[in-house]
Amino acid sequence: MNYLVAVLGDRIQAEAAYLALEKEGIKSTILGRGYKSADEFGLIDPNEEAKKQVRLMAVWLVPFGFFAGFTFSFITGLETFAWAGEIGNHIIGGLLGAVSGALGSVVSGGGVGLIIGGGDALPYRNRLDAGKYLIVVEDAENVTRQATRVLRQFDPENLQGYADTTVS
């Protein structure tokens, strides 16, 4: 399955492009005000996905980090904080390990993309929020090539094709 996404500036232009595609026998979907939303279409929110992944990783990495920090402190016999005593130093070592595990969950769970942004879904969502319209064509490669020729007539702000390699 291939996808073609065109970003158009206003509703009239989007409807004209939709009708031109329909005239060629190409099925498409309009996303924007008055039409399907990004969520209804299934355009994932990368921020939500990253948050879910960070939480999932934290469930495993924070306890593991605590155990690793406690064990390291116990094995090495470090007394970093004299006021805490022997057991207190091991617990502080465990807490520092848990903090390291939390940081690891952010890094390995996709939190970096959450912080600096990433993926194509977010720019498309931002354009929808800015009042733009998207025309999406989901079909075989030859159909998306034909749709590209049709959509270029409307001078879209952006025209991007994607190939879904997960579907056989």
Protein backbone atom coordinates (compact mmCIF):
# COMPACT_ATOMS: atom_id res chain seq x y z
CA MET A 1 0.00 0.00 0.00
CA ASN A 2 1.26 3.47 -0.89
CA TYR A 3 0.17 6.80 0.52
CA LEU A 4 0.25 10.23 -1.04
CA VAL A 5 -0.33 13.30 1.13
CA ALA A 6 -0.88 16.76 -0.34
CA VAL A 7 -1.12 19.90 1.80
CA LEU A 8 -3.47 22.52 0.34
CA GLY A 9 -4.01 26.03 1.63
CA ASP A 10 -7.80 26.32 1.66
CA ARG A 11 -11.04 24.37 1.48
CA ILE A 12 -11.92 25.38 -2.09
CA GLN A 13 -8.57 24.16 -3.38
CA ALA A 14 -8.94 20.90 -1.42
CA GLU A 15 -12.43 20.26 -2.79
CA ALA A 16 -11.29 20.99 -6.34
CA ALA A 17 -8.38 18.56 -5.96
CA TYR A 18 -10.71 15.94 -4.48
CA LEU A 19 -13.11 16.30 -7.42
CA ALA A 20 -10.25 16.11 -9.94
CA LEU A 21 -9.05 12.89 -8.34
CA GLU A 22 -12.59 11.53 -8.28
CA LYS A 23 -12.96 12.33 -12.00
CA GLU A 24 -9.85 10.17 -12.63
CA GLY A 25 -11.38 7.35 -10.56
CA ILE A 26 -8.98 7.79 -7.64
CA LYS A 27 -10.36 7.51 -4.11
CA SER A 28 -9.04 10.08 -1.67
CA THR A 29 -9.80 11.54 1.74
CA ILE A 30 -9.89 15.18 2.82
CA LEU A 31 -8.60 16.02 6.29
CA GLY A 32 -9.30 19.43 7.78
CA ARG A 33 -12.08 21.60 9.22
CA GLY A 34 -15.45 20.23 8.18
CA TYR A 35 -13.94 16.92 7.08
CA LYS A 36 -12.13 14.09 8.84
CA SER A 37 -9.82 14.99 11.69
CA ALA A 38 -6.32 13.56 12.08
CA ASP A 39 -7.57 11.26 14.84
CA GLU A 40 -10.56 10.03 12.81
CA PHE A 41 -8.25 9.26 9.90
CA GLY A 42 -5.81 7.41 12.14
CA LEU A 43 -2.90 9.83 11.93
CA ILE A 44 -1.07 8.93 15.13
CA ASP A 45 0.00 11.60 17.54
CA PRO A 46 3.74 10.98 17.94
CA ASN A 47 3.77 12.73 21.31
CA GLU A 48 1.17 10.35 22.74
CA GLU A 49 2.99 7.31 21.36
CA ALA A 50 6.30 8.53 22.83
CA LYS A 51 4.69 9.13 26.24
CA LYS A 52 3.22 5.61 26.26
CA GLN A 53 6.57 4.10 25.32
CA VAL A 54 8.44 6.12 27.99
CA ARG A 55 5.95 4.96 30.65
CA LEU A 56 6.31 1.34 29.51
CA MET A 57 10.11 1.52 29.67
CA ALA A 58 10.00 3.25 33.08
CA VAL A 59 8.00 0.34 34.55
CA TRP A 60 11.03 -1.88 33.93
CA LEU A 61 13.99 0.47 34.11
CA VAL A 62 13.23 2.38 37.34
CA PRO A 63 13.05 -0.74 39.57
CA PHE A 64 16.01 -2.26 37.76
CA GLY A 65 17.97 0.98 38.27
CA PHE A 66 17.12 0.99 41.98
CA PHE A 67 18.28 -2.61 42.35
CA ALA A 68 21.47 -1.94 40.35
CA GLY A 69 22.29 1.22 42.32
CA PHE A 70 21.65 -0.48 45.66
CA THR A 71 23.75 -3.49 44.62
CA PHE A 72 26.62 -1.33 43.35
CA SER A 73 26.66 0.65 46.59
CA PHE A 74 26.56 -2.58 48.63
CA ILE A 75 29.33 -4.31 46.67
CA THR A 76 31.70 -1.33 46.61
CA GLY A 77 31.03 -0.28 50.20
CA LEU A 78 30.93 3.39 49.23
CA GLU A 79 30.11 5.79 52.05
CA THR A 80 29.37 8.93 50.07
CA PHE A 81 27.07 10.43 52.68
CA ALA A 82 28.47 9.89 56.17
CA TRP A 83 25.30 11.24 57.81
CA ALA A 84 23.18 8.51 56.14
CA GLY A 85 24.94 5.50 57.61
CA GLU A 86 25.60 2.22 55.86
CA ILE A 87 21.99 1.30 54.97
CA GLY A 88 21.17 4.92 54.10
CA ASN A 89 24.06 5.06 51.62
CA HIS A 90 22.81 1.89 49.93
CA ILE A 91 19.28 3.33 49.71
CA ILE A 92 20.62 6.60 48.29
CA GLY A 93 22.60 4.54 45.77
CA GLY A 94 19.38 2.75 44.87
CA LEU A 95 17.50 6.04 44.46
CA LEU A 96 20.25 7.41 42.21
CA GLY A 97 20.03 4.18 40.19
CA ALA A 98 16.24 4.64 39.92
CA VAL A 99 16.77 8.19 38.62
CA SER A 100 19.21 6.79 36.06
CA GLY A 101 16.59 4.21 35.08
CA ALA A 102 14.04 6.99 34.59
CA LEU A 103 16.47 8.88 32.37
CA GLY A 104 17.13 5.67 30.45
CA SER A 105 13.39 5.22 29.89
CA VAL A 106 13.19 8.72 28.37
CA VAL A 107 16.15 8.07 26.07
CA SER A 108 15.26 4.53 25.02
CA GLY A 109 11.49 5.01 25.01
CA GLY A 110 11.42 7.76 22.41
CA GLY A 111 11.32 10.69 24.78
CA VAL A 112 14.05 12.44 22.81
CA GLY A 113 11.65 12.61 19.85
CA LEU A 114 9.01 13.89 22.26
CA ILE A 115 11.35 16.66 23.43
CA ILE A 116 12.80 17.75 20.07
CA GLY A 117 9.98 16.53 17.81
CA GLY A 118 10.16 13.95 15.09
CA GLY A 119 8.29 12.02 12.45
CA ASP A 120 5.98 13.28 9.71
CA ALA A 121 2.69 13.02 11.60
CA LEU A 122 3.41 16.05 13.78
CA PRO A 123 4.01 18.52 10.91
CA TYR A 124 0.78 17.33 9.26
CA ARG A 125 -1.13 17.80 12.51
CA ASN A 126 0.38 21.28 12.84
CA ARG A 127 -0.77 22.17 9.34
CA LEU A 128 -4.28 20.96 10.12
CA ASP A 129 -4.23 23.08 13.28
CA ALA A 130 -3.19 26.07 11.13
CA GLY A 131 -6.34 25.68 9.01
CA LYS A 132 -4.78 23.84 6.05
CA TYR A 133 -6.28 20.80 4.36
CA LEU A 134 -4.75 17.44 3.52
CA ILE A 135 -5.69 15.20 0.63
CA VAL A 136 -4.66 11.60 1.29
CA VAL A 137 -4.63 8.89 -1.37
CA GLU A 138 -4.17 5.28 -0.24
CA ASP A 139 -3.64 2.89 -3.13
CA ALA A 140 -1.15 1.01 -5.26
CA GLU A 141 2.02 2.68 -6.53
CA ASN A 142 0.72 3.28 -10.06
CA VAL A 143 -2.42 4.97 -8.70
CA THR A 144 -0.44 7.23 -6.37
CA ARG A 145 1.80 8.22 -9.30
CA GLN A 146 -1.31 9.15 -11.30
CA ALA A 147 -2.67 11.05 -8.29
CA THR A 148 0.64 12.93 -8.04
CA ARG A 149 0.21 14.20 -11.60
CA VAL A 150 -3.36 15.31 -10.84
CA LEU A 151 -2.48 17.01 -7.55
CA ARG A 152 0.52 18.93 -8.95
CA GLN A 153 -1.97 21.03 -10.96
CA PHE A 154 -3.22 22.51 -7.68
CA ASP A 155 0.24 23.68 -6.57
CA PRO A 156 0.17 22.05 -3.13
CA GLU A 157 2.36 23.42 -0.34
CA ASN A 158 3.75 19.92 0.12
CA LEU A 159 3.30 16.67 -1.77
CA GLN A 160 4.80 13.61 -0.12
CA GLY A 161 4.56 9.93 -0.96
CA TYR A 162 5.01 7.05 1.48
CA ALA A 163 5.29 3.31 1.00
CA ASP A 164 3.91 1.07 3.75
CA THR A 165 6.27 -1.90 3.78
CA THR A 166 4.53 -3.60 6.73
CA VAL A 167 1.55 -4.69 4.61
CA SER A 168 2.23 -7.60 2.30
